[in-house]
Amino acid sequence: MFSIVIPVYNKEEYISRTLNSILNQTFLNFEIIIVDDGSTDNSIKIVKNFDDNRIKVVSQENKGVSSARNLGVEHSKNDYIAFIDADDIWKPEFLENINNMILSFPTAGAYYTDYKVGKEKVEAKKVKQNIECKSFLIDDYFQFALHHKAMCASCVVIEKNIFIDLGGFCTEYKRGEDLYLWTQIALRYQIAYTNYAGAFYYRDIPNSLSRVKFNVEDSFSNIAEEFYEKNKVIAINQHSFREYMIPIISSKGKYLLEMNRKKEARIFLKKYLDTAYNKKKVYVLYLLSYLPKFILKNII
């Protein structure tokens, strides 16, 4: 049923926790593909101590998370691909909820659950689900994502054929490569969602992807404006798609400010001052472009 792909690069302190959260799932029809992305610590030794024939390890030299995930999919045997980072966890009913959505919405392009975000010291198992769990097809994913949590790598499942058709994760980007793929899927398919908080996403882990220093040349943000112009004609709602893309696009404006390319940033950001949902962020960045360099460097 599910092939679970876990890219691993030096996660010896966390990989056991992640694997245990998967092995404790209430839905048991899955395989786990650990992709060793050139780890230099004891991560893979720890993995091999797990006595479960559903776990297999493939290895590559360090090429980054996108390449590792793609390799994991290449070695997968099942029809649905689930991704989880090696320092995040799933609640026990994560796969069960995903399976129920697949049965209810078989034509969806992706399936994802709500998730909690916190620090390592927070015990995720104590996070309670206090709302009635509901699942549904999202009519307009981009509008939905403006008001709710968007897809993230540790809470989403994709049909393998769709992943392959879209070319998998783009290895040109070191940041936003997952966002690039989710956006492509949402432009072409409906997305199924449940408000069951099935994943816990850790923000404060050393070596976490969310803590990697931002470089726009290696990011989806670098081509986000071009991507929007190219794909707006196929969006079900061009307005919501534009609003969804603006925070991604404006990240390039922030980077230009960091590089003290203030005039270039000002011209770039001015095109998006009419945004409805991200007005404060864009306006602040735009106004910062008028500040002297010695003040700007202490703010950005």
C-alpha atoms as a PDB file:
ATOM      1  CA  MET A   1       0.000   0.000   0.000  1.00  0.00           C
ATOM      2  CA  PHE A   2       2.479   2.668   1.225  1.00  0.00           C
ATOM      3  CA  SER A   3       6.182   3.171   0.590  1.00  0.00           C
ATOM      4  CA  ILE A   4       7.567   5.503   3.247  1.00  0.00           C
ATOM      5  CA  VAL A   5      10.659   7.412   2.171  1.00  0.00           C
ATOM      6  CA  ILE A   6      12.977   8.863   4.820  1.00  0.00           C
ATOM      7  CA  PRO A   7      16.065  10.822   3.740  1.00  0.00           C
ATOM      8  CA  VAL A   8      18.741  10.564   6.418  1.00  0.00           C
ATOM      9  CA  TYR A   9      21.773  12.752   6.872  1.00  0.00           C
ATOM     10  CA  ASN A  10      23.377  12.652  10.341  1.00  0.00           C
ATOM     11  CA  LYS A  11      20.219  12.126  12.404  1.00  0.00           C
ATOM     12  CA  GLU A  12      21.521   9.633  14.969  1.00  0.00           C
ATOM     13  CA  GLU A  13      19.774  11.429  17.842  1.00  0.00           C
ATOM     14  CA  TYR A  14      16.339  11.369  16.221  1.00  0.00           C
ATOM     15  CA  ILE A  15      15.979   8.509  13.740  1.00  0.00           C
ATOM     16  CA  SER A  16      14.882   5.967  16.381  1.00  0.00           C
ATOM     17  CA  ARG A  17      12.049   8.236  17.470  1.00  0.00           C
ATOM     18  CA  THR A  18      10.923   8.688  13.876  1.00  0.00           C
ATOM     19  CA  LEU A  19      11.063   4.974  13.068  1.00  0.00           C
ATOM     20  CA  ASN A  20       9.217   4.011  16.243  1.00  0.00           C
ATOM     21  CA  SER A  21       6.410   6.406  15.361  1.00  0.00           C
ATOM     22  CA  ILE A  22       6.047   4.626  12.006  1.00  0.00           C
ATOM     23  CA  LEU A  23       6.285   1.093  13.372  1.00  0.00           C
ATOM     24  CA  ASN A  24       3.569   1.967  15.905  1.00  0.00           C
ATOM     25  CA  GLN A  25       1.049   2.843  13.177  1.00  0.00           C
ATOM     26  CA  THR A  26      -2.400   1.274  13.374  1.00  0.00           C
ATOM     27  CA  PHE A  27      -2.252   0.683   9.596  1.00  0.00           C
ATOM     28  CA  LEU A  28       0.506  -1.829   8.926  1.00  0.00           C
ATOM     29  CA  ASN A  29       0.671  -2.315   5.152  1.00  0.00           C
ATOM     30  CA  PHE A  30       3.843  -0.398   4.331  1.00  0.00           C
ATOM     31  CA  GLU A  31       7.537  -0.558   3.594  1.00  0.00           C
ATOM     32  CA  ILE A  32      10.139   1.896   4.889  1.00  0.00           C
ATOM     33  CA  ILE A  33      12.922   3.062   2.610  1.00  0.00           C
ATOM     34  CA  ILE A  34      15.782   4.738   4.442  1.00  0.00           C
ATOM     35  CA  VAL A  35      17.944   6.765   2.075  1.00  0.00           C
ATOM     36  CA  ASP A  36      21.392   7.296   3.551  1.00  0.00           C
ATOM     37  CA  ASP A  37      22.459  10.617   2.053  1.00  0.00           C
ATOM     38  CA  GLY A  38      26.128  10.226   2.933  1.00  0.00           C
ATOM     39  CA  SER A  39      25.734  10.212   6.715  1.00  0.00           C
ATOM     40  CA  THR A  40      28.957  10.342   8.711  1.00  0.00           C
ATOM     41  CA  ASP A  41      27.469   9.548  12.132  1.00  0.00           C
ATOM     42  CA  ASN A  42      25.777   6.424  13.526  1.00  0.00           C
ATOM     43  CA  SER A  43      22.361   7.022  11.913  1.00  0.00           C
ATOM     44  CA  ILE A  44      22.428   3.972   9.642  1.00  0.00           C
ATOM     45  CA  LYS A  45      23.919   1.734  12.329  1.00  0.00           C
ATOM     46  CA  ILE A  46      20.948   2.642  14.512  1.00  0.00           C
ATOM     47  CA  VAL A  47      18.527   1.925  11.658  1.00  0.00           C
ATOM     48  CA  LYS A  48      20.043  -1.517  11.109  1.00  0.00           C
ATOM     49  CA  ASN A  49      19.449  -2.374  14.757  1.00  0.00           C
ATOM     50  CA  PHE A  50      15.697  -2.357  14.058  1.00  0.00           C
ATOM     51  CA  ASP A  51      14.621  -5.944  13.416  1.00  0.00           C
ATOM     52  CA  ASP A  52      11.828  -5.414  10.911  1.00  0.00           C
ATOM     53  CA  ASN A  53      11.888  -6.760   7.363  1.00  0.00           C
ATOM     54  CA  ARG A  54       9.789  -3.833   6.147  1.00  0.00           C
ATOM     55  CA  ILE A  55      12.831  -1.572   6.551  1.00  0.00           C
ATOM     56  CA  LYS A  56      15.422  -1.353   3.800  1.00  0.00           C
ATOM     57  CA  VAL A  57      18.378   0.964   3.360  1.00  0.00           C
ATOM     58  CA  VAL A  58      19.730   2.453   0.146  1.00  0.00           C
ATOM     59  CA  SER A  59      22.744   4.743   0.058  1.00  0.00           C
ATOM     60  CA  GLN A  60      24.211   7.546  -1.996  1.00  0.00           C
ATOM     61  CA  GLU A  61      26.936  10.134  -1.565  1.00  0.00           C
ATOM     62  CA  ASN A  62      25.660  13.377  -0.084  1.00  0.00           C
ATOM     63  CA  LYS A  63      23.503  14.995  -2.785  1.00  0.00           C
ATOM     64  CA  GLY A  64      20.775  16.636  -0.746  1.00  0.00           C
ATOM     65  CA  VAL A  65      17.267  15.843   0.365  1.00  0.00           C
ATOM     66  CA  SER A  66      15.596  16.085  -3.068  1.00  0.00           C
ATOM     67  CA  SER A  67      17.962  13.587  -4.632  1.00  0.00           C
ATOM     68  CA  ALA A  68      17.575  11.302  -1.613  1.00  0.00           C
ATOM     69  CA  ARG A  69      13.778  11.358  -1.780  1.00  0.00           C
ATOM     70  CA  ASN A  70      13.836  10.692  -5.521  1.00  0.00           C
ATOM     71  CA  LEU A  71      16.149   7.722  -4.990  1.00  0.00           C
ATOM     72  CA  GLY A  72      13.819   6.376  -2.332  1.00  0.00           C
ATOM     73  CA  VAL A  73      10.882   6.526  -4.736  1.00  0.00           C
ATOM     74  CA  GLU A  74      12.949   4.707  -7.375  1.00  0.00           C
ATOM     75  CA  HIS A  75      13.360   1.825  -4.925  1.00  0.00           C
ATOM     76  CA  SER A  76       9.712   1.833  -3.809  1.00  0.00           C
ATOM     77  CA  LYS A  77       7.350  -1.057  -4.589  1.00  0.00           C
ATOM     78  CA  ASN A  78       3.969   0.373  -3.611  1.00  0.00           C
ATOM     79  CA  ASP A  79       1.452   2.684  -5.269  1.00  0.00           C
ATOM     80  CA  TYR A  80       1.453   5.471  -2.696  1.00  0.00           C
ATOM     81  CA  ILE A  81       4.511   7.347  -1.473  1.00  0.00           C
ATOM     82  CA  ALA A  82       4.653   8.868   1.998  1.00  0.00           C
ATOM     83  CA  PHE A  83       7.455  11.185   3.048  1.00  0.00           C
ATOM     84  CA  ILE A  84       8.713  11.974   6.521  1.00  0.00           C
ATOM     85  CA  ASP A  85      11.890  13.719   7.627  1.00  0.00           C
ATOM     86  CA  ALA A  86      14.218  11.797   9.909  1.00  0.00           C
ATOM     87  CA  ASP A  87      13.578  14.102  12.868  1.00  0.00           C
ATOM     88  CA  ASP A  88       9.755  14.308  12.698  1.00  0.00           C
ATOM     89  CA  ILE A  89       7.108  11.849  13.926  1.00  0.00           C
ATOM     90  CA  TRP A  90       3.643  10.573  13.048  1.00  0.00           C
ATOM     91  CA  LYS A  91       0.775   9.987  15.429  1.00  0.00           C
ATOM     92  CA  PRO A  92      -0.365   6.313  15.424  1.00  0.00           C
ATOM     93  CA  GLU A  93      -3.397   6.868  13.188  1.00  0.00           C
ATOM     94  CA  PHE A  94      -1.595   8.890  10.491  1.00  0.00           C
ATOM     95  CA  LEU A  95      -1.539   6.180   7.804  1.00  0.00           C
ATOM     96  CA  GLU A  96      -5.005   4.957   8.774  1.00  0.00           C
ATOM     97  CA  ASN A  97      -6.417   8.431   8.146  1.00  0.00           C
ATOM     98  CA  ILE A  98      -4.565   8.710   4.841  1.00  0.00           C
ATOM     99  CA  ASN A  99      -5.866   5.296   3.760  1.00  0.00           C
ATOM    100  CA  ASN A 100      -9.429   6.323   4.585  1.00  0.00           C
ATOM    101  CA  MET A 101      -9.042   9.422   2.411  1.00  0.00           C
ATOM    102  CA  ILE A 102      -7.692   7.372  -0.483  1.00  0.00           C
ATOM    103  CA  LEU A 103     -10.759   5.132  -0.281  1.00  0.00           C
ATOM    104  CA  SER A 104     -13.073   8.149  -0.111  1.00  0.00           C
ATOM    105  CA  PHE A 105     -11.310  10.357  -2.687  1.00  0.00           C
ATOM    106  CA  PRO A 106      -9.433   8.060  -5.106  1.00  0.00           C
ATOM    107  CA  THR A 107      -8.934  10.772  -7.763  1.00  0.00           C
ATOM    108  CA  ALA A 108      -7.081  13.213  -5.482  1.00  0.00           C
ATOM    109  CA  GLY A 109      -3.525  14.138  -6.450  1.00  0.00           C
ATOM    110  CA  ALA A 110      -2.236  14.264  -2.871  1.00  0.00           C
ATOM    111  CA  TYR A 111      -3.460  13.491   0.639  1.00  0.00           C
ATOM    112  CA  TYR A 112      -2.350  15.277   3.763  1.00  0.00           C
ATOM    113  CA  THR A 113      -3.207  15.644   7.411  1.00  0.00           C
ATOM    114  CA  ASP A 114      -3.060  18.594   9.713  1.00  0.00           C
ATOM    115  CA  TYR A 115       0.099  18.733  11.800  1.00  0.00           C
ATOM    116  CA  LYS A 116       1.578  20.319  14.889  1.00  0.00           C
ATOM    117  CA  VAL A 117       4.768  22.368  14.916  1.00  0.00           C
ATOM    118  CA  GLY A 118       6.889  22.607  18.031  1.00  0.00           C
ATOM    119  CA  LYS A 119      10.224  22.344  19.723  1.00  0.00           C
ATOM    120  CA  GLU A 120      12.050  19.158  20.577  1.00  0.00           C
ATOM    121  CA  LYS A 121      11.396  19.502  24.289  1.00  0.00           C
ATOM    122  CA  VAL A 122       7.658  19.318  23.646  1.00  0.00           C
ATOM    123  CA  GLU A 123       6.377  15.767  23.985  1.00  0.00           C
ATOM    124  CA  ALA A 124       4.287  15.353  20.867  1.00  0.00           C
ATOM    125  CA  LYS A 125       2.337  12.455  22.326  1.00  0.00           C
ATOM    126  CA  LYS A 126       0.766  14.883  24.808  1.00  0.00           C
ATOM    127  CA  VAL A 127      -0.646  17.073  22.053  1.00  0.00           C
ATOM    128  CA  LYS A 128      -4.350  16.304  22.131  1.00  0.00           C
ATOM    129  CA  GLN A 129      -6.862  16.298  19.297  1.00  0.00           C
ATOM    130  CA  ASN A 130      -9.706  18.423  20.638  1.00  0.00           C
ATOM    131  CA  ILE A 131     -11.779  18.793  17.482  1.00  0.00           C
ATOM    132  CA  GLU A 132     -13.985  16.458  15.491  1.00  0.00           C
ATOM    133  CA  CYS A 133     -11.940  14.877  12.724  1.00  0.00           C
ATOM    134  CA  LYS A 134     -13.195  15.568   9.223  1.00  0.00           C
ATOM    135  CA  SER A 135     -11.821  14.749   5.787  1.00  0.00           C
ATOM    136  CA  PHE A 136     -12.725  16.414   2.508  1.00  0.00           C
ATOM    137  CA  LEU A 137     -11.574  17.376  -0.965  1.00  0.00           C
ATOM    138  CA  ILE A 138     -10.317  20.945  -1.130  1.00  0.00           C
ATOM    139  CA  ASP A 139     -12.046  22.879  -3.918  1.00  0.00           C
ATOM    140  CA  ASP A 140      -9.306  25.512  -4.194  1.00  0.00           C
ATOM    141  CA  TYR A 141      -6.087  24.478  -2.478  1.00  0.00           C
ATOM    142  CA  PHE A 142      -4.438  27.883  -2.892  1.00  0.00           C
ATOM    143  CA  GLN A 143      -7.338  29.669  -1.222  1.00  0.00           C
ATOM    144  CA  PHE A 144      -7.377  27.023   1.507  1.00  0.00           C
ATOM    145  CA  ALA A 145      -3.646  27.379   2.153  1.00  0.00           C
ATOM    146  CA  LEU A 146      -4.024  31.128   2.690  1.00  0.00           C
ATOM    147  CA  HIS A 147      -6.099  30.439   5.811  1.00  0.00           C
ATOM    148  CA  HIS A 148      -4.976  26.965   6.908  1.00  0.00           C
ATOM    149  CA  LYS A 149      -1.810  24.927   7.030  1.00  0.00           C
ATOM    150  CA  ALA A 150      -0.346  24.048   3.652  1.00  0.00           C
ATOM    151  CA  MET A 151       1.188  20.698   2.766  1.00  0.00           C
ATOM    152  CA  CYS A 152       4.594  19.896   4.213  1.00  0.00           C
ATOM    153  CA  ALA A 153       6.912  16.992   3.530  1.00  0.00           C
ATOM    154  CA  SER A 154       6.209  15.031   6.716  1.00  0.00           C
ATOM    155  CA  CYS A 155       2.424  14.932   6.404  1.00  0.00           C
ATOM    156  CA  VAL A 156       1.723  14.268   2.709  1.00  0.00           C
ATOM    157  CA  VAL A 157       1.181  11.147   0.600  1.00  0.00           C
ATOM    158  CA  ILE A 158       1.274  11.115  -3.211  1.00  0.00           C
ATOM    159  CA  GLU A 159       0.334   8.484  -5.751  1.00  0.00           C
ATOM    160  CA  LYS A 160       3.562   7.181  -7.227  1.00  0.00           C
ATOM    161  CA  ASN A 161       2.474   7.654 -10.852  1.00  0.00           C
ATOM    162  CA  ILE A 162       1.725  11.332 -10.247  1.00  0.00           C
ATOM    163  CA  PHE A 163       5.099  11.822  -8.579  1.00  0.00           C
ATOM    164  CA  ILE A 164       6.853  10.279 -11.572  1.00  0.00           C
ATOM    165  CA  ASP A 165       4.751  12.195 -14.143  1.00  0.00           C
ATOM    166  CA  LEU A 166       5.709  15.507 -12.523  1.00  0.00           C
ATOM    167  CA  GLY A 167       9.392  14.622 -12.419  1.00  0.00           C
ATOM    168  CA  GLY A 168       9.707  14.167  -8.662  1.00  0.00           C
ATOM    169  CA  PHE A 169      11.576  16.681  -6.520  1.00  0.00           C
ATOM    170  CA  CYS A 170      13.621  19.215  -8.425  1.00  0.00           C
ATOM    171  CA  THR A 171      17.270  18.740  -7.480  1.00  0.00           C
ATOM    172  CA  GLU A 172      18.211  22.271  -8.599  1.00  0.00           C
ATOM    173  CA  TYR A 173      16.815  23.730  -5.388  1.00  0.00           C
ATOM    174  CA  LYS A 174      18.026  23.239  -1.842  1.00  0.00           C
ATOM    175  CA  ARG A 175      15.107  25.150  -0.374  1.00  0.00           C
ATOM    176  CA  GLY A 176      11.480  25.135  -1.419  1.00  0.00           C
ATOM    177  CA  GLU A 177      11.919  22.043  -3.584  1.00  0.00           C
ATOM    178  CA  ASP A 178       8.985  20.385  -1.815  1.00  0.00           C
ATOM    179  CA  LEU A 179       6.854  23.519  -2.147  1.00  0.00           C
ATOM    180  CA  TYR A 180       7.580  23.499  -5.873  1.00  0.00           C
ATOM    181  CA  LEU A 181       6.234  19.949  -6.183  1.00  0.00           C
ATOM    182  CA  TRP A 182       3.147  20.516  -3.993  1.00  0.00           C
ATOM    183  CA  THR A 183       2.267  23.587  -6.054  1.00  0.00           C
ATOM    184  CA  GLN A 184       2.542  21.657  -9.300  1.00  0.00           C
ATOM    185  CA  ILE A 185       0.230  18.961  -7.946  1.00  0.00           C
ATOM    186  CA  ALA A 186      -2.327  21.485  -6.659  1.00  0.00           C
ATOM    187  CA  LEU A 187      -2.466  23.176 -10.064  1.00  0.00           C
ATOM    188  CA  ARG A 188      -3.485  19.900 -11.696  1.00  0.00           C
ATOM    189  CA  TYR A 189      -5.400  17.903  -9.089  1.00  0.00           C
ATOM    190  CA  GLN A 190      -7.730  18.273  -6.166  1.00  0.00           C
ATOM    191  CA  ILE A 191      -6.108  17.754  -2.780  1.00  0.00           C
ATOM    192  CA  ALA A 192      -7.619  15.652   0.018  1.00  0.00           C
ATOM    193  CA  TYR A 193      -7.203  16.884   3.581  1.00  0.00           C
ATOM    194  CA  THR A 194      -8.091  15.836   7.113  1.00  0.00           C
ATOM    195  CA  ASN A 195      -7.950  18.059  10.169  1.00  0.00           C
ATOM    196  CA  TYR A 196      -6.615  15.116  12.172  1.00  0.00           C
ATOM    197  CA  ALA A 197      -3.203  16.312  13.397  1.00  0.00           C
ATOM    198  CA  GLY A 198      -1.289  13.265  12.248  1.00  0.00           C
ATOM    199  CA  ALA A 199       2.273  14.597  12.207  1.00  0.00           C
ATOM    200  CA  PHE A 200       4.544  16.491  14.568  1.00  0.00           C
ATOM    201  CA  TYR A 201       7.071  18.734  12.851  1.00  0.00           C
ATOM    202  CA  TYR A 202      10.117  19.741  14.899  1.00  0.00           C
ATOM    203  CA  ARG A 203      11.430  23.249  14.257  1.00  0.00           C
ATOM    204  CA  ASP A 204      14.491  23.454  16.490  1.00  0.00           C
ATOM    205  CA  ILE A 205      16.539  20.406  15.478  1.00  0.00           C
ATOM    206  CA  PRO A 206      20.192  21.125  14.611  1.00  0.00           C
ATOM    207  CA  ASN A 207      20.858  20.342  10.938  1.00  0.00           C
ATOM    208  CA  SER A 208      17.117  20.669  10.252  1.00  0.00           C
ATOM    209  CA  LEU A 209      16.234  21.736   6.706  1.00  0.00           C
ATOM    210  CA  SER A 210      14.209  24.649   8.091  1.00  0.00           C
ATOM    211  CA  ARG A 211      17.393  26.051   9.660  1.00  0.00           C
ATOM    212  CA  VAL A 212      19.514  26.035   6.514  1.00  0.00           C
ATOM    213  CA  LYS A 213      20.733  29.523   5.586  1.00  0.00           C
ATOM    214  CA  PHE A 214      18.607  31.018   2.830  1.00  0.00           C
ATOM    215  CA  ASN A 215      20.235  31.551  -0.557  1.00  0.00           C
ATOM    216  CA  VAL A 216      17.787  32.656  -3.232  1.00  0.00           C
ATOM    217  CA  GLU A 217      19.840  31.225  -6.099  1.00  0.00           C
ATOM    218  CA  ASP A 218      19.296  27.744  -4.631  1.00  0.00           C
ATOM    219  CA  SER A 219      15.628  28.330  -3.851  1.00  0.00           C
ATOM    220  CA  PHE A 220      12.261  27.988  -5.546  1.00  0.00           C
ATOM    221  CA  SER A 221      11.823  31.684  -4.704  1.00  0.00           C
ATOM    222  CA  ASN A 222      14.339  32.548  -7.379  1.00  0.00           C
ATOM    223  CA  ILE A 223      11.996  31.431 -10.154  1.00  0.00           C
ATOM    224  CA  ALA A 224       8.669  31.801  -8.320  1.00  0.00           C
ATOM    225  CA  GLU A 225       7.614  34.875 -10.297  1.00  0.00           C
ATOM    226  CA  GLU A 226       8.346  33.149 -13.599  1.00  0.00           C
ATOM    227  CA  PHE A 227       6.575  30.014 -12.356  1.00  0.00           C
ATOM    228  CA  TYR A 228       3.477  32.035 -11.474  1.00  0.00           C
ATOM    229  CA  GLU A 229       3.307  33.770 -14.864  1.00  0.00           C
ATOM    230  CA  LYS A 230       3.735  30.475 -16.671  1.00  0.00           C
ATOM    231  CA  ASN A 231       1.111  28.561 -14.711  1.00  0.00           C
ATOM    232  CA  LYS A 232      -1.571  31.114 -13.803  1.00  0.00           C
ATOM    233  CA  VAL A 233      -3.617  30.172 -16.874  1.00  0.00           C
ATOM    234  CA  ILE A 234      -4.210  26.643 -15.529  1.00  0.00           C
ATOM    235  CA  ALA A 235      -5.114  27.713 -11.971  1.00  0.00           C
ATOM    236  CA  ILE A 236      -8.754  27.207 -11.043  1.00  0.00           C
ATOM    237  CA  ASN A 237      -8.671  30.637  -9.417  1.00  0.00           C
ATOM    238  CA  GLN A 238      -5.933  32.987 -10.614  1.00  0.00           C
ATOM    239  CA  HIS A 239      -6.491  35.406  -7.720  1.00  0.00           C
ATOM    240  CA  SER A 240      -5.953  32.803  -4.983  1.00  0.00           C
ATOM    241  CA  PHE A 241      -2.998  31.345  -6.882  1.00  0.00           C
ATOM    242  CA  ARG A 242      -1.377  34.787  -7.088  1.00  0.00           C
ATOM    243  CA  GLU A 243      -1.956  35.459  -3.387  1.00  0.00           C
ATOM    244  CA  TYR A 244      -0.530  32.046  -2.522  1.00  0.00           C
ATOM    245  CA  MET A 245       2.586  32.708  -4.606  1.00  0.00           C
ATOM    246  CA  ILE A 246       3.289  36.232  -3.327  1.00  0.00           C
ATOM    247  CA  PRO A 247       4.989  35.184  -0.036  1.00  0.00           C
ATOM    248  CA  ILE A 248       7.232  32.853  -2.038  1.00  0.00           C
ATOM    249  CA  ILE A 249       7.946  35.526  -4.628  1.00  0.00           C
ATOM    250  CA  SER A 250       8.565  38.244  -2.025  1.00  0.00           C
ATOM    251  CA  SER A 251      11.255  36.129  -0.366  1.00  0.00           C
ATOM    252  CA  LYS A 252      13.419  37.089  -3.319  1.00  0.00           C
ATOM    253  CA  GLY A 253      12.792  40.756  -2.451  1.00  0.00           C
ATOM    254  CA  LYS A 254      14.021  40.107   1.074  1.00  0.00           C
ATOM    255  CA  TYR A 255      17.133  38.432  -0.273  1.00  0.00           C
ATOM    256  CA  LEU A 256      17.836  41.427  -2.531  1.00  0.00           C
ATOM    257  CA  LEU A 257      17.634  43.666   0.534  1.00  0.00           C
ATOM    258  CA  GLU A 258      20.056  41.415   2.388  1.00  0.00           C
ATOM    259  CA  MET A 259      22.459  41.844  -0.533  1.00  0.00           C
ATOM    260  CA  ASN A 260      21.943  45.640  -0.311  1.00  0.00           C
ATOM    261  CA  ARG A 261      20.396  45.672  -3.787  1.00  0.00           C
ATOM    262  CA  LYS A 262      17.778  48.086  -2.527  1.00  0.00           C
ATOM    263  CA  LYS A 263      16.659  49.693  -5.763  1.00  0.00           C
ATOM    264  CA  GLU A 264      16.278  46.328  -7.434  1.00  0.00           C
ATOM    265  CA  ALA A 265      14.288  45.057  -4.426  1.00  0.00           C
ATOM    266  CA  ARG A 266      12.045  48.141  -4.476  1.00  0.00           C
ATOM    267  CA  ILE A 267      11.162  47.734  -8.146  1.00  0.00           C
ATOM    268  CA  PHE A 268      10.576  44.020  -7.646  1.00  0.00           C
ATOM    269  CA  LEU A 269       8.344  44.393  -4.574  1.00  0.00           C
ATOM    270  CA  LYS A 270       6.319  47.315  -5.930  1.00  0.00           C
ATOM    271  CA  LYS A 271       4.552  44.945  -8.330  1.00  0.00           C
ATOM    272  CA  TYR A 272       2.958  43.143  -5.387  1.00  0.00           C
ATOM    273  CA  LEU A 273       1.867  45.996  -3.125  1.00  0.00           C
ATOM    274  CA  ASP A 274      -1.744  45.331  -4.139  1.00  0.00           C
ATOM    275  CA  THR A 275      -1.750  41.972  -2.359  1.00  0.00           C
ATOM    276  CA  ALA A 276      -4.763  41.338  -0.142  1.00  0.00           C
ATOM    277  CA  TYR A 277      -3.480  38.628   2.205  1.00  0.00           C
ATOM    278  CA  ASN A 278       0.218  39.506   2.510  1.00  0.00           C
ATOM    279  CA  LYS A 279       0.077  43.296   2.489  1.00  0.00           C
ATOM    280  CA  LYS A 280       1.974  43.852   5.741  1.00  0.00           C
ATOM    281  CA  LYS A 281       4.925  41.673   4.775  1.00  0.00           C
ATOM    282  CA  VAL A 282       5.304  43.128   1.293  1.00  0.00           C
ATOM    283  CA  TYR A 283       4.861  46.735   2.434  1.00  0.00           C
ATOM    284  CA  VAL A 284       7.411  46.346   5.232  1.00  0.00           C
ATOM    285  CA  LEU A 285       9.987  44.930   2.825  1.00  0.00           C
ATOM    286  CA  TYR A 286       9.219  47.698   0.341  1.00  0.00           C
ATOM    287  CA  LEU A 287       9.653  50.445   2.955  1.00  0.00           C
ATOM    288  CA  LEU A 288      12.877  48.873   4.196  1.00  0.00           C
ATOM    289  CA  SER A 289      14.340  49.399   0.738  1.00  0.00           C
ATOM    290  CA  TYR A 290      14.519  53.139   1.503  1.00  0.00           C
ATOM    291  CA  LEU A 291      16.635  52.743   4.639  1.00  0.00           C
ATOM    292  CA  PRO A 292      20.400  53.390   4.712  1.00  0.00           C
ATOM    293  CA  LYS A 293      22.586  50.311   4.535  1.00  0.00           C
ATOM    294  CA  PHE A 294      23.911  50.601   8.111  1.00  0.00           C
ATOM    295  CA  ILE A 295      20.344  50.522   9.484  1.00  0.00           C
ATOM    296  CA  LEU A 296      19.060  47.909   7.080  1.00  0.00           C
ATOM    297  CA  LYS A 297      21.732  45.339   7.957  1.00  0.00           C
ATOM    298  CA  ASN A 298      20.613  45.416  11.608  1.00  0.00           C
ATOM    299  CA  ILE A 299      16.988  44.720  10.667  1.00  0.00           C
ATOM    300  CA  ILE A 300      17.115  42.155   7.869  1.00  0.00           C
END
